[in-house]
Every structure is written in C-alpha cells, then in structure tokens.
PDB file of N, CA and C in Angstrom:
ATOM      1  N   MET A   1       0.808  -1.179  -0.344  1.00  0.00           N
ATOM      2  CA  MET A   1       0.082   0.009  -0.132  1.00  0.00           C
ATOM      3  C   MET A   1       0.599   1.065  -0.147  1.00  0.00           C
ATOM      4  N   THR A   2       0.818   2.368  -0.838  1.00  0.00           N
ATOM      5  CA  THR A   2       0.790   3.400  -0.629  1.00  0.00           C
ATOM      6  C   THR A   2       0.156   4.808  -0.444  1.00  0.00           C
ATOM      7  N   PRO A   3       0.711   5.822   0.566  1.00  0.00           N
ATOM      8  CA  PRO A   3       0.016   6.973   0.754  1.00  0.00           C
ATOM      9  C   PRO A   3      -0.526   7.580  -0.352  1.00  0.00           C
ATOM     10  N   LEU A   4      -1.615   8.029  -0.080  1.00  0.00           N
ATOM     11  CA  LEU A   4      -1.833   9.103  -1.418  1.00  0.00           C
ATOM     12  C   LEU A   4      -1.122  10.216  -2.210  1.00  0.00           C
ATOM     13  N   SER A   5      -0.276  10.768  -0.806  1.00  0.00           N
ATOM     14  CA  SER A   5       0.767  11.965  -0.991  1.00  0.00           C
ATOM     15  C   SER A   5       1.591  11.414  -2.103  1.00  0.00           C
ATOM     16  N   GLU A   6       1.637  10.252  -2.363  1.00  0.00           N
ATOM     17  CA  GLU A   6       3.001   9.491  -3.082  1.00  0.00           C
ATOM     18  C   GLU A   6       2.343   9.815  -4.587  1.00  0.00           C
ATOM     19  N   LEU A   7       1.506   9.638  -5.034  1.00  0.00           N
ATOM     20  CA  LEU A   7       0.725   9.374  -6.573  1.00  0.00           C
ATOM     21  C   LEU A   7       0.923  10.696  -6.835  1.00  0.00           C
ATOM     22  N   GLN A   8       1.324  10.254  -8.373  1.00  0.00           N
ATOM     23  CA  GLN A   8       1.601  11.735  -9.082  1.00  0.00           C
ATOM     24  C   GLN A   8       0.048  11.795 -10.315  1.00  0.00           C
ATOM     25  N   PRO A   9      -0.095  12.894 -10.825  1.00  0.00           N
ATOM     26  CA  PRO A   9      -1.545  13.590 -11.328  1.00  0.00           C
ATOM     27  C   PRO A   9      -1.627  12.493 -12.483  1.00  0.00           C
ATOM     28  N   GLY A  10      -2.494  11.832 -12.472  1.00  0.00           N
ATOM     29  CA  GLY A  10      -3.373  11.012 -13.607  1.00  0.00           C
ATOM     30  C   GLY A  10      -3.248   9.541 -12.904  1.00  0.00           C
ATOM     31  N   GLN A  11      -2.420   9.054 -11.669  1.00  0.00           N
ATOM     32  CA  GLN A  11      -2.358   7.752 -11.350  1.00  0.00           C
ATOM     33  C   GLN A  11      -3.884   7.744 -10.787  1.00  0.00           C
ATOM     34  N   GLU A  12      -3.924   6.365 -10.801  1.00  0.00           N
ATOM     35  CA  GLU A  12      -5.456   6.246 -10.394  1.00  0.00           C
ATOM     36  C   GLU A  12      -5.174   4.585  -9.114  1.00  0.00           C
ATOM     37  N   GLY A  13      -5.841   4.898  -8.219  1.00  0.00           N
ATOM     38  CA  GLY A  13      -5.751   3.691  -7.128  1.00  0.00           C
ATOM     39  C   GLY A  13      -7.127   3.654  -6.411  1.00  0.00           C
ATOM     40  N   ILE A  14      -7.292   2.488  -5.254  1.00  0.00           N
ATOM     41  CA  ILE A  14      -7.874   2.142  -4.638  1.00  0.00           C
ATOM     42  C   ILE A  14      -8.016   2.536  -3.552  1.00  0.00           C
ATOM     43  N   VAL A  15      -8.886   3.209  -2.532  1.00  0.00           N
ATOM     44  CA  VAL A  15      -8.669   3.501  -1.126  1.00  0.00           C
ATOM     45  C   VAL A  15      -8.521   2.194  -0.556  1.00  0.00           C
ATOM     46  N   ARG A  16      -7.502   1.470   0.592  1.00  0.00           N
ATOM     47  CA  ARG A  16      -7.500   0.646   1.124  1.00  0.00           C
ATOM     48  C   ARG A  16      -8.095   0.796   2.696  1.00  0.00           C
ATOM     49  N   ALA A  17      -7.187   2.012   3.411  1.00  0.00           N
ATOM     50  CA  ALA A  17      -7.486   2.396   4.548  1.00  0.00           C
ATOM     51  C   ALA A  17      -7.214   3.853   4.663  1.00  0.00           C
ATOM     52  N   LEU A  18      -7.396   4.066   6.045  1.00  0.00           N
ATOM     53  CA  LEU A  18      -7.678   5.566   6.273  1.00  0.00           C
ATOM     54  C   LEU A  18      -6.655   5.436   7.872  1.00  0.00           C
ATOM     55  N   ARG A  19      -5.377   5.833   8.509  1.00  0.00           N
ATOM     56  CA  ARG A  19      -4.657   5.788   9.182  1.00  0.00           C
ATOM     57  C   ARG A  19      -5.326   7.032  10.080  1.00  0.00           C
ATOM     58  N   GLY A  20      -5.544   7.027  11.421  1.00  0.00           N
ATOM     59  CA  GLY A  20      -5.691   8.540  12.041  1.00  0.00           C
ATOM     60  C   GLY A  20      -6.672   8.062  12.958  1.00  0.00           C
ATOM     61  N   GLY A  21      -7.224   9.282  13.733  1.00  0.00           N
ATOM     62  CA  GLY A  21      -8.639   9.441  14.847  1.00  0.00           C
ATOM     63  C   GLY A  21      -9.790   9.126  14.168  1.00  0.00           C
ATOM     64  N   HIS A  22     -10.838   8.786  14.860  1.00  0.00           N
ATOM     65  CA  HIS A  22     -12.343   8.712  14.676  1.00  0.00           C
ATOM     66  C   HIS A  22     -12.708   9.844  14.029  1.00  0.00           C
ATOM     67  N   GLY A  23     -11.925  11.240  14.282  1.00  0.00           N
ATOM     68  CA  GLY A  23     -12.763  12.502  13.644  1.00  0.00           C
ATOM     69  C   GLY A  23     -12.082  12.374  12.174  1.00  0.00           C
ATOM     70  N   PHE A  24     -11.116  12.433  12.130  1.00  0.00           N
ATOM     71  CA  PHE A  24      -9.959  11.997  10.452  1.00  0.00           C
ATOM     72  C   PHE A  24     -10.761  11.168   9.715  1.00  0.00           C
ATOM     73  N   VAL A  25     -11.160   9.795  10.449  1.00  0.00           N
ATOM     74  CA  VAL A  25     -11.915   8.766   9.519  1.00  0.00           C
ATOM     75  C   VAL A  25     -12.942   9.419   9.428  1.00  0.00           C
ATOM     76  N   SER A  26     -13.776   9.608   9.744  1.00  0.00           N
ATOM     77  CA  SER A  26     -14.970  10.225   9.826  1.00  0.00           C
ATOM     78  C   SER A  26     -15.117  11.076   8.823  1.00  0.00           C
ATOM     79  N   ARG A  27     -14.586  12.035   8.921  1.00  0.00           N
ATOM     80  CA  ARG A  27     -14.837  13.397   7.681  1.00  0.00           C
ATOM     81  C   ARG A  27     -14.040  12.674   6.390  1.00  0.00           C
ATOM     82  N   LEU A  28     -13.291  12.062   6.514  1.00  0.00           N
ATOM     83  CA  LEU A  28     -12.887  11.253   4.961  1.00  0.00           C
ATOM     84  C   LEU A  28     -14.275  10.524   4.552  1.00  0.00           C
ATOM     85  N   ALA A  29     -14.938   9.368   5.178  1.00  0.00           N
ATOM     86  CA  ALA A  29     -15.701   8.753   5.110  1.00  0.00           C
ATOM     87  C   ALA A  29     -16.705   9.283   4.327  1.00  0.00           C
ATOM     88  N   ALA A  30     -16.857  10.535   4.982  1.00  0.00           N
ATOM     89  CA  ALA A  30     -18.231  11.400   4.391  1.00  0.00           C
ATOM     90  C   ALA A  30     -17.205  12.102   3.184  1.00  0.00           C
ATOM     91  N   LEU A  31     -17.014  12.665   2.846  1.00  0.00           N
ATOM     92  CA  LEU A  31     -16.525  12.725   1.950  1.00  0.00           C
ATOM     93  C   LEU A  31     -15.956  11.566   0.650  1.00  0.00           C
ATOM     94  N   GLY A  32     -16.090  10.634   0.812  1.00  0.00           N
ATOM     95  CA  GLY A  32     -16.276   9.263  -0.037  1.00  0.00           C
ATOM     96  C   GLY A  32     -14.964   8.912   0.265  1.00  0.00           C
ATOM     97  N   PHE A  33     -13.727   8.669   0.956  1.00  0.00           N
ATOM     98  CA  PHE A  33     -13.191   8.121   1.135  1.00  0.00           C
ATOM     99  C   PHE A  33     -13.162   6.895   2.117  1.00  0.00           C
ATOM    100  N   THR A  34     -13.835   5.384   1.375  1.00  0.00           N
ATOM    101  CA  THR A  34     -13.782   4.564   2.122  1.00  0.00           C
ATOM    102  C   THR A  34     -13.328   3.512   1.368  1.00  0.00           C
ATOM    103  N   PRO A  35     -12.603   2.604   1.667  1.00  0.00           N
ATOM    104  CA  PRO A  35     -12.106   1.061   1.860  1.00  0.00           C
ATOM    105  C   PRO A  35     -13.158   0.599   0.353  1.00  0.00           C
ATOM    106  N   GLY A  36     -12.477   0.486  -0.654  1.00  0.00           N
ATOM    107  CA  GLY A  36     -12.631  -0.124  -2.248  1.00  0.00           C
ATOM    108  C   GLY A  36     -12.971   1.027  -3.232  1.00  0.00           C
ATOM    109  N   ALA A  37     -13.347   2.617  -2.570  1.00  0.00           N
ATOM    110  CA  ALA A  37     -13.521   3.394  -3.555  1.00  0.00           C
ATOM    111  C   ALA A  37     -12.053   3.820  -4.649  1.00  0.00           C
ATOM    112  N   PRO A  38     -12.576   3.672  -5.773  1.00  0.00           N
ATOM    113  CA  PRO A  38     -11.543   3.656  -6.590  1.00  0.00           C
ATOM    114  C   PRO A  38     -11.499   5.487  -6.781  1.00  0.00           C
ATOM    115  N   LEU A  39      -9.733   6.249  -7.355  1.00  0.00           N
ATOM    116  CA  LEU A  39      -9.870   7.501  -7.620  1.00  0.00           C
ATOM    117  C   LEU A  39      -8.905   7.815  -8.410  1.00  0.00           C
ATOM    118  N   VAL A  40      -8.969   9.243  -8.810  1.00  0.00           N
ATOM    119  CA  VAL A  40      -7.419   9.628  -9.850  1.00  0.00           C
ATOM    120  C   VAL A  40      -7.240  10.570  -8.933  1.00  0.00           C
ATOM    121  N   VAL A  41      -5.778  10.839  -9.069  1.00  0.00           N
ATOM    122  CA  VAL A  41      -4.682  12.142  -8.768  1.00  0.00           C
ATOM    123  C   VAL A  41      -5.125  12.907  -9.938  1.00  0.00           C
ATOM    124  N   VAL A  42      -5.616  14.351  -9.755  1.00  0.00           N
ATOM    125  CA  VAL A  42      -5.872  15.320 -10.238  1.00  0.00           C
ATOM    126  C   VAL A  42      -4.547  16.456 -10.280  1.00  0.00           C
ATOM    127  N   ARG A  43      -4.238  16.885  -9.121  1.00  0.00           N
ATOM    128  CA  ARG A  43      -3.311  17.757  -8.832  1.00  0.00           C
ATOM    129  C   ARG A  43      -2.379  17.228  -7.741  1.00  0.00           C
ATOM    130  N   ASN A  44      -0.952  16.859  -7.786  1.00  0.00           N
ATOM    131  CA  ASN A  44       0.189  16.950  -7.134  1.00  0.00           C
ATOM    132  C   ASN A  44       1.295  17.758  -7.222  1.00  0.00           C
ATOM    133  N   ALA A  45       1.125  19.079  -6.933  1.00  0.00           N
ATOM    134  CA  ALA A  45       2.181  19.725  -7.652  1.00  0.00           C
ATOM    135  C   ALA A  45       3.439  19.697  -6.642  1.00  0.00           C
ATOM    136  N   GLY A  46       3.706  19.052  -5.501  1.00  0.00           N
ATOM    137  CA  GLY A  46       4.750  19.016  -4.481  1.00  0.00           C
ATOM    138  C   GLY A  46       4.599  20.100  -3.327  1.00  0.00           C
ATOM    139  N   SER A  47       3.302  20.910  -3.713  1.00  0.00           N
ATOM    140  CA  SER A  47       3.495  22.013  -2.541  1.00  0.00           C
ATOM    141  C   SER A  47       2.095  22.284  -2.706  1.00  0.00           C
ATOM    142  N   GLY A  48       1.151  22.647  -1.504  1.00  0.00           N
ATOM    143  CA  GLY A  48      -0.361  23.281  -1.552  1.00  0.00           C
ATOM    144  C   GLY A  48      -0.935  21.757  -1.519  1.00  0.00           C
ATOM    145  N   PRO A  49      -2.447  21.915  -1.650  1.00  0.00           N
ATOM    146  CA  PRO A  49      -3.170  20.644  -1.544  1.00  0.00           C
ATOM    147  C   PRO A  49      -2.877  19.675  -2.757  1.00  0.00           C
ATOM    148  N   LEU A  50      -3.528  18.639  -2.290  1.00  0.00           N
ATOM    149  CA  LEU A  50      -3.619  17.361  -3.541  1.00  0.00           C
ATOM    150  C   LEU A  50      -4.733  17.283  -3.574  1.00  0.00           C
ATOM    151  N   ILE A  51      -5.377  17.436  -5.513  1.00  0.00           N
ATOM    152  CA  ILE A  51      -6.598  17.416  -5.324  1.00  0.00           C
ATOM    153  C   ILE A  51      -7.090  16.014  -6.375  1.00  0.00           C
ATOM    154  N   VAL A  52      -8.116  15.102  -5.529  1.00  0.00           N
ATOM    155  CA  VAL A  52      -8.144  13.815  -6.121  1.00  0.00           C
ATOM    156  C   VAL A  52      -9.841  13.725  -6.398  1.00  0.00           C
ATOM    157  N   SER A  53     -10.076  13.174  -7.465  1.00  0.00           N
ATOM    158  CA  SER A  53     -11.122  12.552  -7.911  1.00  0.00           C
ATOM    159  C   SER A  53     -11.727  11.829  -7.503  1.00  0.00           C
ATOM    160  N   ILE A  54     -12.749  11.421  -6.881  1.00  0.00           N
ATOM    161  CA  ILE A  54     -13.673  10.201  -6.092  1.00  0.00           C
ATOM    162  C   ILE A  54     -14.892  10.441  -6.034  1.00  0.00           C
ATOM    163  N   ARG A  55     -15.807   9.210  -6.123  1.00  0.00           N
ATOM    164  CA  ARG A  55     -17.014   9.254  -6.162  1.00  0.00           C
ATOM    165  C   ARG A  55     -17.727  10.563  -6.949  1.00  0.00           C
ATOM    166  N   GLY A  56     -17.266  10.721  -8.089  1.00  0.00           N
ATOM    167  CA  GLY A  56     -18.128  12.390  -8.838  1.00  0.00           C
ATOM    168  C   GLY A  56     -17.714  13.322  -8.268  1.00  0.00           C
ATOM    169  N   SER A  57     -16.754  13.852  -7.410  1.00  0.00           N
ATOM    170  CA  SER A  57     -16.402  14.907  -6.703  1.00  0.00           C
ATOM    171  C   SER A  57     -15.075  15.155  -6.711  1.00  0.00           C
ATOM    172  N   ARG A  58     -14.240  16.425  -6.662  1.00  0.00           N
ATOM    173  CA  ARG A  58     -12.844  16.813  -6.753  1.00  0.00           C
ATOM    174  C   ARG A  58     -12.988  17.046  -5.041  1.00  0.00           C
ATOM    175  N   VAL A  59     -12.124  16.530  -4.429  1.00  0.00           N
ATOM    176  CA  VAL A  59     -11.841  17.270  -3.384  1.00  0.00           C
ATOM    177  C   VAL A  59     -10.053  17.401  -3.192  1.00  0.00           C
ATOM    178  N   ALA A  60      -9.813  18.561  -2.231  1.00  0.00           N
ATOM    179  CA  ALA A  60      -8.966  18.886  -1.854  1.00  0.00           C
ATOM    180  C   ALA A  60      -8.334  18.343  -0.450  1.00  0.00           C
ATOM    181  N   LEU A  61      -6.949  17.741  -0.149  1.00  0.00           N
ATOM    182  CA  LEU A  61      -6.681  17.174   1.052  1.00  0.00           C
ATOM    183  C   LEU A  61      -5.235  18.001   1.131  1.00  0.00           C
ATOM    184  N   GLY A  62      -4.890  18.406   2.354  1.00  0.00           N
ATOM    185  CA  GLY A  62      -3.390  18.693   2.331  1.00  0.00           C
ATOM    186  C   GLY A  62      -2.754  17.687   2.625  1.00  0.00           C
ATOM    187  N   ARG A  63      -1.863  18.004   2.300  1.00  0.00           N
ATOM    188  CA  ARG A  63      -0.712  17.064   2.416  1.00  0.00           C
ATOM    189  C   ARG A  63       0.060  16.130   3.536  1.00  0.00           C
ATOM    190  N   GLY A  64      -0.311  16.576   4.857  1.00  0.00           N
ATOM    191  CA  GLY A  64      -0.635  15.562   5.598  1.00  0.00           C
ATOM    192  C   GLY A  64      -1.853  14.600   6.243  1.00  0.00           C
ATOM    193  N   GLU A  65      -3.195  15.379   5.488  1.00  0.00           N
ATOM    194  CA  GLU A  65      -4.043  14.480   5.569  1.00  0.00           C
ATOM    195  C   GLU A  65      -3.637  13.301   4.243  1.00  0.00           C
ATOM    196  N   ALA A  66      -3.056  13.480   3.268  1.00  0.00           N
ATOM    197  CA  ALA A  66      -2.824  12.573   1.947  1.00  0.00           C
ATOM    198  C   ALA A  66      -2.320  11.626   2.081  1.00  0.00           C
ATOM    199  N   SER A  67      -1.439  11.854   3.631  1.00  0.00           N
ATOM    200  CA  SER A  67      -0.194  11.048   3.875  1.00  0.00           C
ATOM    201  C   SER A  67      -0.863  10.104   4.198  1.00  0.00           C
ATOM    202  N   HIS A  68      -1.825  10.189   5.072  1.00  0.00           N
ATOM    203  CA  HIS A  68      -2.868   9.104   6.254  1.00  0.00           C
ATOM    204  C   HIS A  68      -4.236   8.123   5.344  1.00  0.00           C
ATOM    205  N   VAL A  69      -3.762   8.321   4.174  1.00  0.00           N
ATOM    206  CA  VAL A  69      -4.841   7.618   3.061  1.00  0.00           C
ATOM    207  C   VAL A  69      -3.701   6.973   2.204  1.00  0.00           C
ATOM    208  N   LEU A  70      -4.377   5.662   2.514  1.00  0.00           N
ATOM    209  CA  LEU A  70      -3.345   4.129   1.916  1.00  0.00           C
ATOM    210  C   LEU A  70      -4.080   3.677   0.816  1.00  0.00           C
ATOM    211  N   ILE A  71      -3.354   3.904  -0.226  1.00  0.00           N
ATOM    212  CA  ILE A  71      -4.147   3.358  -1.792  1.00  0.00           C
ATOM    213  C   ILE A  71      -3.122   2.136  -2.185  1.00  0.00           C
ATOM    214  N   LEU A  72      -4.219   1.429  -3.118  1.00  0.00           N
ATOM    215  CA  LEU A  72      -3.208   0.497  -3.657  1.00  0.00           C
ATOM    216  C   LEU A  72      -3.599   0.525  -5.162  1.00  0.00           C
ATOM    217  N   LYS A  73      -2.193   1.052  -5.592  1.00  0.00           N
ATOM    218  CA  LYS A  73      -1.926   1.607  -7.027  1.00  0.00           C
ATOM    219  C   LYS A  73      -2.530   0.715  -8.034  1.00  0.00           C
ATOM    220  N   GLY A  74      -3.603   1.407  -9.185  1.00  0.00           N
ATOM    221  CA  GLY A  74      -4.136   0.615 -10.418  1.00  0.00           C
ATOM    222  C   GLY A  74      -3.501   0.958 -11.656  1.00  0.00           C
TER     223      GLY A  74
END
C-alpha cells in the first residue's frame, strides 16, 4: 500500500485504509474515502493541496491528510 501523497497526477488507485483518529476517519469517509473506492489524482504539484477525483467529486486534501490515506495503485 502507498500513501496517497506519493501518487502523481493521472495515477489511479483504490482506497485501502485510513490511518488516524475517529474524527479524521469520519470526515474522510463522509467525503467518499471509504475502502474500495476508486480515485484519480488530479493535482499533486509538490506543494499546496493534493486534489483527487473520487465518487464523482473533486476533493482537496492537505499533504498531511493525504499521507494518512493508504492506496492500492491501479
């Protein structure tokens, strides 16, 4: 498994796990980050937020948040 923060723009993956406290996991689950959900990285410029397309929406995550989302690369 790879942290979401390491994927490059255009790369696809499947959410496998979320590492963090209950509040963090609940918030990301509400945004669509649930195990088995496919996603595509839209923007990962090395600084600033990482933008992903998941479940028909675009979501911006901070780098710290993205490092706690574990992905199985597609």
